Every structure is written in C-alpha cells, then in structure tokens.
Amino acid sequence: MHWESEFPCATRSVTRARHAVRDLLSAWGVSPDVLDIAQLLVTEAVANGVRHAHSDVRVVVDLTDRLRIEAWDGDIVGAPRPQHAPPAADHGRGVDLIEALASKWGYERGAQEKQVWFELPGLAGVRRS
C-alpha cells in the first residue's frame, strides 16, 4: 500500500500530517502500538522539515512487510543527527526519538531535496480480524 501528500511550510502542517497518517494507518488496520509510534515520529520528521528546512514537506507512506515513512524537505545541506538534548531543553529530541523508536532510519540527499525515513514493523503490526 502506498500514499503520499505534500504539506506546506507552516506549523499547522505538523498536526495535519500527524492526523493524516493516523487516519491512513487506522484505515489500513495497523495496530494501535505501531500507529502511536508512527504518529509521534512523523510529527518529529515534519516538524524538523518545517523548522529547519523552511520548506514544504512531502510525506510518503509505504506498507509492505514493514512500514516505511519518508519526509522530504528542501534542505539539501543539513544532515539530521541525534542531538542528545538535556532534559530541560524544549527542542532537539526529534532525531533522538526516531533513532530510539524506529527499527531502522536514515536520510538521503538529492539535488533538490533531502529525505528522512524510518521503518517500523509493517504487516506484523496489522490487526487481524
């Protein structure tokens, strides 16, 4: 299964992307525990694109034997890396959360865009009726 959507460079896009992914994965039958992690991580990935790349963010979701979510933004210079933010910090934990909760994650740069991606268990996380 495949889905993608573009979200404008705006703070409200973070919430809209999270809700879109939640609704999509619910419709696809993804289990609540995988769905919760996916919502959190897509929130962080889109927020990073809006905040650091100052660009629209395209979200791509693929569900096969694994769930892969990609966030594409216009930052071709920056490299996402864990910040290991101190407990009192009010930001800087996005990539830390992705690294901690995803089974795999990474990023790739193209000529015009950067892609941050993460994977979670896919069909193993689908509810059986």
N, C-alpha and C. Protein backbone atom coordinates (compact mmCIF):
# COMPACT_ATOMS: atom_id res chain seq x y z
N MET A 1 0.85 -1.17 0.00
CA MET A 1 0.00 0.00 0.00
C MET A 1 0.90 1.23 0.00
N HIS A 2 0.45 2.26 -0.71
CA HIS A 2 1.25 3.46 -0.87
C HIS A 2 0.37 4.70 -0.75
N TRP A 3 0.92 5.74 -0.15
CA TRP A 3 0.23 7.02 -0.01
C TRP A 3 1.27 8.12 0.07
N GLU A 4 0.96 9.29 -0.46
CA GLU A 4 1.83 10.44 -0.26
C GLU A 4 1.03 11.71 -0.34
N SER A 5 1.54 12.74 0.36
CA SER A 5 0.87 14.03 0.37
C SER A 5 1.89 15.11 0.69
N GLU A 6 1.65 16.30 0.17
CA GLU A 6 2.51 17.46 0.39
C GLU A 6 1.88 18.36 1.44
N PHE A 7 2.69 18.84 2.38
CA PHE A 7 2.23 19.74 3.42
C PHE A 7 3.02 21.04 3.33
N PRO A 8 2.33 22.19 3.38
CA PRO A 8 3.03 23.46 3.24
C PRO A 8 3.92 23.77 4.44
N CYS A 9 4.87 24.66 4.21
CA CYS A 9 5.78 25.08 5.28
C CYS A 9 5.01 25.96 6.25
N ALA A 10 4.36 25.32 7.20
CA ALA A 10 3.56 26.01 8.20
C ALA A 10 3.47 25.12 9.43
N THR A 11 3.43 25.74 10.59
CA THR A 11 3.36 24.97 11.84
C THR A 11 2.15 24.04 11.86
N ARG A 12 1.03 24.49 11.33
CA ARG A 12 -0.19 23.65 11.33
C ARG A 12 -0.02 22.37 10.52
N SER A 13 0.95 22.36 9.61
CA SER A 13 1.19 21.17 8.80
C SER A 13 1.65 19.98 9.64
N VAL A 14 2.30 20.26 10.75
CA VAL A 14 2.76 19.16 11.63
C VAL A 14 1.56 18.38 12.13
N THR A 15 0.56 19.08 12.63
CA THR A 15 -0.67 18.44 13.12
C THR A 15 -1.42 17.77 11.98
N ARG A 16 -1.51 18.44 10.85
CA ARG A 16 -2.24 17.87 9.71
C ARG A 16 -1.58 16.59 9.20
N ALA A 17 -0.26 16.57 9.16
CA ALA A 17 0.45 15.36 8.73
C ALA A 17 0.22 14.23 9.72
N ARG A 18 0.32 14.54 11.01
CA ARG A 18 0.10 13.51 12.04
C ARG A 18 -1.31 12.92 11.91
N HIS A 19 -2.31 13.77 11.77
CA HIS A 19 -3.69 13.28 11.65
C HIS A 19 -3.90 12.49 10.37
N ALA A 20 -3.31 12.94 9.28
CA ALA A 20 -3.44 12.21 8.01
C ALA A 20 -2.84 10.81 8.11
N VAL A 21 -1.66 10.72 8.72
CA VAL A 21 -1.01 9.42 8.88
C VAL A 21 -1.80 8.54 9.84
N ARG A 22 -2.31 9.12 10.91
CA ARG A 22 -3.15 8.35 11.86
C ARG A 22 -4.37 7.77 11.15
N ASP A 23 -5.07 8.61 10.39
CA ASP A 23 -6.28 8.15 9.71
C ASP A 23 -5.95 7.08 8.67
N LEU A 24 -4.88 7.30 7.93
CA LEU A 24 -4.45 6.34 6.91
C LEU A 24 -4.12 4.99 7.52
N LEU A 25 -3.24 5.00 8.53
CA LEU A 25 -2.81 3.74 9.13
C LEU A 25 -3.95 3.03 9.85
N SER A 26 -4.86 3.79 10.43
CA SER A 26 -6.05 3.18 11.04
C SER A 26 -6.88 2.46 9.98
N ALA A 27 -7.07 3.13 8.84
CA ALA A 27 -7.84 2.53 7.74
C ALA A 27 -7.15 1.29 7.19
N TRP A 28 -5.83 1.28 7.22
CA TRP A 28 -5.07 0.13 6.74
C TRP A 28 -5.00 -0.99 7.77
N GLY A 29 -5.52 -0.76 8.98
CA GLY A 29 -5.54 -1.79 10.00
C GLY A 29 -4.26 -1.95 10.80
N VAL A 30 -3.42 -0.94 10.80
CA VAL A 30 -2.18 -1.01 11.57
C VAL A 30 -2.52 -1.00 13.06
N SER A 31 -1.84 -1.83 13.83
CA SER A 31 -2.14 -1.96 15.25
C SER A 31 -1.89 -0.65 15.99
N PRO A 32 -2.63 -0.42 17.08
CA PRO A 32 -2.52 0.84 17.81
C PRO A 32 -1.11 1.16 18.30
N ASP A 33 -0.34 0.16 18.73
CA ASP A 33 1.01 0.45 19.23
C ASP A 33 1.93 0.95 18.11
N VAL A 34 1.86 0.34 16.93
CA VAL A 34 2.65 0.81 15.79
C VAL A 34 2.13 2.16 15.33
N LEU A 35 0.82 2.33 15.31
CA LEU A 35 0.21 3.59 14.90
C LEU A 35 0.67 4.74 15.80
N ASP A 36 0.70 4.53 17.11
CA ASP A 36 1.14 5.57 18.05
C ASP A 36 2.58 6.00 17.78
N ILE A 37 3.45 5.03 17.55
CA ILE A 37 4.86 5.36 17.29
C ILE A 37 4.98 6.08 15.95
N ALA A 38 4.26 5.62 14.94
CA ALA A 38 4.31 6.26 13.63
C ALA A 38 3.85 7.71 13.71
N GLN A 39 2.77 7.97 14.46
CA GLN A 39 2.29 9.34 14.63
C GLN A 39 3.34 10.24 15.27
N LEU A 40 3.97 9.74 16.32
CA LEU A 40 5.00 10.51 17.01
C LEU A 40 6.16 10.82 16.08
N LEU A 41 6.63 9.81 15.36
CA LEU A 41 7.81 10.00 14.52
C LEU A 41 7.52 10.85 13.30
N VAL A 42 6.34 10.74 12.71
CA VAL A 42 6.02 11.61 11.57
C VAL A 42 5.88 13.05 12.05
N THR A 43 5.38 13.24 13.24
CA THR A 43 5.31 14.58 13.83
C THR A 43 6.70 15.19 13.91
N GLU A 44 7.65 14.42 14.42
CA GLU A 44 9.02 14.93 14.56
C GLU A 44 9.67 15.19 13.21
N ALA A 45 9.47 14.29 12.25
CA ALA A 45 10.09 14.45 10.94
C ALA A 45 9.54 15.67 10.21
N VAL A 46 8.23 15.86 10.25
CA VAL A 46 7.63 17.01 9.58
C VAL A 46 8.00 18.31 10.30
N ALA A 47 8.00 18.28 11.61
CA ALA A 47 8.39 19.48 12.37
C ALA A 47 9.82 19.89 12.03
N ASN A 48 10.71 18.92 11.90
CA ASN A 48 12.09 19.25 11.53
C ASN A 48 12.15 19.87 10.14
N GLY A 49 11.38 19.37 9.21
CA GLY A 49 11.36 19.94 7.87
C GLY A 49 10.87 21.38 7.86
N VAL A 50 9.79 21.63 8.60
CA VAL A 50 9.23 22.98 8.67
C VAL A 50 10.18 23.91 9.40
N ARG A 51 10.70 23.45 10.52
CA ARG A 51 11.54 24.32 11.37
C ARG A 51 12.93 24.56 10.79
N HIS A 52 13.58 23.52 10.32
CA HIS A 52 14.98 23.65 9.89
C HIS A 52 15.15 23.87 8.39
N ALA A 53 14.32 23.24 7.58
CA ALA A 53 14.45 23.39 6.13
C ALA A 53 13.67 24.60 5.62
N HIS A 54 12.70 25.05 6.41
CA HIS A 54 11.84 26.16 5.99
C HIS A 54 11.24 25.89 4.61
N SER A 55 10.74 24.67 4.46
CA SER A 55 10.18 24.28 3.16
C SER A 55 8.93 23.44 3.36
N ASP A 56 8.21 23.24 2.26
CA ASP A 56 7.11 22.29 2.27
C ASP A 56 7.70 20.91 2.57
N VAL A 57 6.87 20.02 3.07
CA VAL A 57 7.32 18.67 3.40
C VAL A 57 6.37 17.68 2.73
N ARG A 58 6.95 16.77 1.97
CA ARG A 58 6.17 15.70 1.34
C ARG A 58 6.33 14.45 2.19
N VAL A 59 5.21 13.86 2.59
CA VAL A 59 5.22 12.64 3.40
C VAL A 59 4.80 11.48 2.50
N VAL A 60 5.60 10.41 2.55
CA VAL A 60 5.34 9.21 1.77
C VAL A 60 5.23 8.04 2.75
N VAL A 61 4.19 7.25 2.59
CA VAL A 61 3.97 6.09 3.47
C VAL A 61 3.83 4.85 2.60
N ASP A 62 4.63 3.83 2.91
CA ASP A 62 4.53 2.54 2.23
C ASP A 62 4.38 1.45 3.27
N LEU A 63 3.41 0.58 3.07
CA LEU A 63 3.19 -0.54 3.98
C LEU A 63 3.30 -1.83 3.18
N THR A 64 4.31 -2.61 3.52
CA THR A 64 4.51 -3.94 2.93
C THR A 64 4.73 -4.86 4.12
N ASP A 65 5.84 -5.58 4.12
CA ASP A 65 6.19 -6.37 5.30
C ASP A 65 6.74 -5.46 6.39
N ARG A 66 6.96 -4.19 6.07
CA ARG A 66 7.37 -3.18 7.03
C ARG A 66 6.67 -1.88 6.67
N LEU A 67 6.58 -0.99 7.63
CA LEU A 67 6.01 0.33 7.43
C LEU A 67 7.16 1.31 7.26
N ARG A 68 7.22 1.97 6.11
CA ARG A 68 8.26 2.96 5.86
C ARG A 68 7.59 4.31 5.65
N ILE A 69 8.07 5.30 6.40
CA ILE A 69 7.57 6.65 6.27
C ILE A 69 8.75 7.55 5.93
N GLU A 70 8.55 8.38 4.91
CA GLU A 70 9.58 9.31 4.46
C GLU A 70 9.05 10.73 4.58
N ALA A 71 9.92 11.65 4.98
CA ALA A 71 9.60 13.07 4.98
C ALA A 71 10.63 13.77 4.10
N TRP A 72 10.18 14.35 3.01
CA TRP A 72 11.05 15.02 2.04
C TRP A 72 10.94 16.53 2.27
N ASP A 73 12.08 17.20 2.39
CA ASP A 73 12.07 18.65 2.53
C ASP A 73 13.14 19.27 1.64
N GLY A 74 13.21 20.59 1.63
CA GLY A 74 14.11 21.29 0.73
C GLY A 74 15.50 21.57 1.25
N ASP A 75 15.87 20.99 2.37
CA ASP A 75 17.20 21.22 2.95
C ASP A 75 18.19 20.21 2.38
N ILE A 76 19.02 20.63 1.44
CA ILE A 76 19.99 19.71 0.85
C ILE A 76 21.35 19.82 1.52
N VAL A 77 21.48 20.71 2.51
CA VAL A 77 22.76 20.92 3.18
C VAL A 77 22.80 20.20 4.52
N GLY A 78 21.74 20.34 5.31
CA GLY A 78 21.73 19.80 6.67
C GLY A 78 21.68 18.29 6.70
N ALA A 79 22.29 17.73 7.73
CA ALA A 79 22.26 16.29 7.96
C ALA A 79 21.62 16.03 9.32
N PRO A 80 20.50 15.32 9.35
CA PRO A 80 19.87 15.04 10.64
C PRO A 80 20.76 14.13 11.48
N ARG A 81 20.87 14.46 12.74
CA ARG A 81 21.66 13.64 13.65
C ARG A 81 21.09 13.80 15.05
N PRO A 82 21.24 12.79 15.87
CA PRO A 82 20.76 12.90 17.25
C PRO A 82 21.45 14.06 17.97
N GLN A 83 20.68 14.80 18.75
CA GLN A 83 21.20 15.96 19.48
C GLN A 83 21.51 15.64 20.94
N HIS A 84 20.89 14.59 21.47
CA HIS A 84 21.04 14.24 22.88
C HIS A 84 20.80 15.47 23.75
N ALA A 85 19.62 16.07 23.54
CA ALA A 85 19.25 17.30 24.25
C ALA A 85 19.15 17.06 25.75
N PRO A 86 19.55 18.05 26.55
CA PRO A 86 19.41 17.92 28.00
C PRO A 86 17.92 17.88 28.40
N PRO A 87 17.62 17.32 29.55
CA PRO A 87 16.21 17.15 29.96
C PRO A 87 15.40 18.45 29.96
N ALA A 88 16.00 19.57 30.26
CA ALA A 88 15.26 20.83 30.34
C ALA A 88 15.06 21.50 28.98
N ALA A 89 15.68 20.98 27.93
CA ALA A 89 15.56 21.61 26.61
C ALA A 89 14.14 21.47 26.08
N ASP A 90 13.68 22.50 25.35
CA ASP A 90 12.33 22.45 24.80
C ASP A 90 12.31 22.02 23.34
N HIS A 91 13.45 21.65 22.78
CA HIS A 91 13.53 21.12 21.43
C HIS A 91 14.83 20.32 21.30
N GLY A 92 14.99 19.67 20.14
CA GLY A 92 16.23 18.93 19.91
C GLY A 92 16.14 17.44 20.14
N ARG A 93 14.92 16.92 20.27
CA ARG A 93 14.77 15.48 20.53
C ARG A 93 14.21 14.69 19.36
N GLY A 94 13.88 15.35 18.26
CA GLY A 94 13.21 14.67 17.15
C GLY A 94 13.98 13.49 16.60
N VAL A 95 15.22 13.71 16.23
CA VAL A 95 16.01 12.62 15.66
C VAL A 95 16.36 11.60 16.74
N ASP A 96 16.52 12.06 17.98
CA ASP A 96 16.75 11.11 19.09
C ASP A 96 15.58 10.13 19.19
N LEU A 97 14.35 10.65 19.09
CA LEU A 97 13.17 9.78 19.16
C LEU A 97 13.10 8.84 17.97
N ILE A 98 13.38 9.36 16.79
CA ILE A 98 13.37 8.50 15.60
C ILE A 98 14.39 7.38 15.76
N GLU A 99 15.59 7.74 16.20
CA GLU A 99 16.64 6.73 16.38
C GLU A 99 16.25 5.69 17.43
N ALA A 100 15.61 6.13 18.50
CA ALA A 100 15.26 5.22 19.59
C ALA A 100 14.08 4.30 19.26
N LEU A 101 13.11 4.78 18.49
CA LEU A 101 11.87 4.03 18.32
C LEU A 101 11.73 3.31 16.98
N ALA A 102 12.45 3.74 15.98
CA ALA A 102 12.35 3.09 14.67
C ALA A 102 13.23 1.85 14.62
N SER A 103 12.79 0.84 13.83
CA SER A 103 13.65 -0.33 13.66
C SER A 103 14.85 0.01 12.80
N LYS A 104 14.66 0.94 11.86
CA LYS A 104 15.74 1.46 11.01
C LYS A 104 15.39 2.91 10.70
N TRP A 105 16.40 3.72 10.45
CA TRP A 105 16.15 5.08 9.98
C TRP A 105 17.39 5.59 9.26
N GLY A 106 17.21 6.64 8.51
CA GLY A 106 18.33 7.24 7.82
C GLY A 106 17.89 8.46 7.05
N TYR A 107 18.79 8.95 6.23
CA TYR A 107 18.46 10.08 5.37
C TYR A 107 19.26 9.97 4.08
N GLU A 108 18.73 10.61 3.05
CA GLU A 108 19.40 10.66 1.75
C GLU A 108 19.20 12.06 1.20
N ARG A 109 20.21 12.53 0.51
CA ARG A 109 20.13 13.84 -0.13
C ARG A 109 20.09 13.70 -1.63
N GLY A 110 19.22 14.47 -2.25
CA GLY A 110 19.19 14.55 -3.70
C GLY A 110 19.66 15.93 -4.13
N ALA A 111 19.52 16.22 -5.38
CA ALA A 111 19.94 17.52 -5.90
C ALA A 111 19.05 18.65 -5.38
N GLN A 112 17.79 18.35 -5.10
CA GLN A 112 16.83 19.38 -4.71
C GLN A 112 16.16 19.14 -3.36
N GLU A 113 16.28 17.93 -2.83
CA GLU A 113 15.55 17.57 -1.61
C GLU A 113 16.38 16.67 -0.71
N LYS A 114 15.96 16.62 0.54
CA LYS A 114 16.51 15.67 1.50
C LYS A 114 15.35 14.80 1.98
N GLN A 115 15.63 13.54 2.15
CA GLN A 115 14.63 12.59 2.62
C GLN A 115 15.09 12.03 3.96
N VAL A 116 14.25 12.16 4.98
CA VAL A 116 14.47 11.46 6.25
C VAL A 116 13.44 10.35 6.27
N TRP A 117 13.90 9.12 6.53
CA TRP A 117 12.99 7.99 6.51
C TRP A 117 13.16 7.15 7.78
N PHE A 118 12.11 6.44 8.10
CA PHE A 118 12.19 5.48 9.21
C PHE A 118 11.27 4.31 8.90
N GLU A 119 11.59 3.19 9.52
CA GLU A 119 10.80 1.98 9.34
C GLU A 119 10.34 1.45 10.68
N LEU A 120 9.16 0.87 10.66
CA LEU A 120 8.56 0.19 11.81
C LEU A 120 8.05 -1.15 11.32
N PRO A 121 7.75 -2.07 12.24
CA PRO A 121 7.16 -3.32 11.79
C PRO A 121 5.91 -3.04 10.97
N GLY A 122 5.76 -3.70 9.84
CA GLY A 122 4.64 -3.43 8.95
C GLY A 122 3.50 -4.39 9.15
N LEU A 123 3.44 -5.41 8.30
CA LEU A 123 2.32 -6.35 8.38
C LEU A 123 2.25 -7.05 9.72
N ALA A 124 3.38 -7.14 10.41
CA ALA A 124 3.35 -7.71 11.76
C ALA A 124 2.53 -6.82 12.68
N GLY A 125 2.42 -5.51 12.33
CA GLY A 125 1.64 -4.59 13.14
C GLY A 125 0.21 -4.40 12.68
N VAL A 126 -0.25 -5.20 11.71
CA VAL A 126 -1.61 -5.08 11.21
C VAL A 126 -2.53 -5.97 12.04
N ARG A 127 -3.64 -5.38 12.47
CA ARG A 127 -4.61 -6.14 13.27
C ARG A 127 -5.25 -7.21 12.40
N ARG A 128 -5.41 -8.35 12.94
CA ARG A 128 -6.10 -9.45 12.25
C ARG A 128 -7.54 -9.52 12.75
N SER A 129 -8.49 -9.63 11.86
CA SER A 129 -9.91 -9.69 12.26
C SER A 129 -10.29 -11.09 12.63
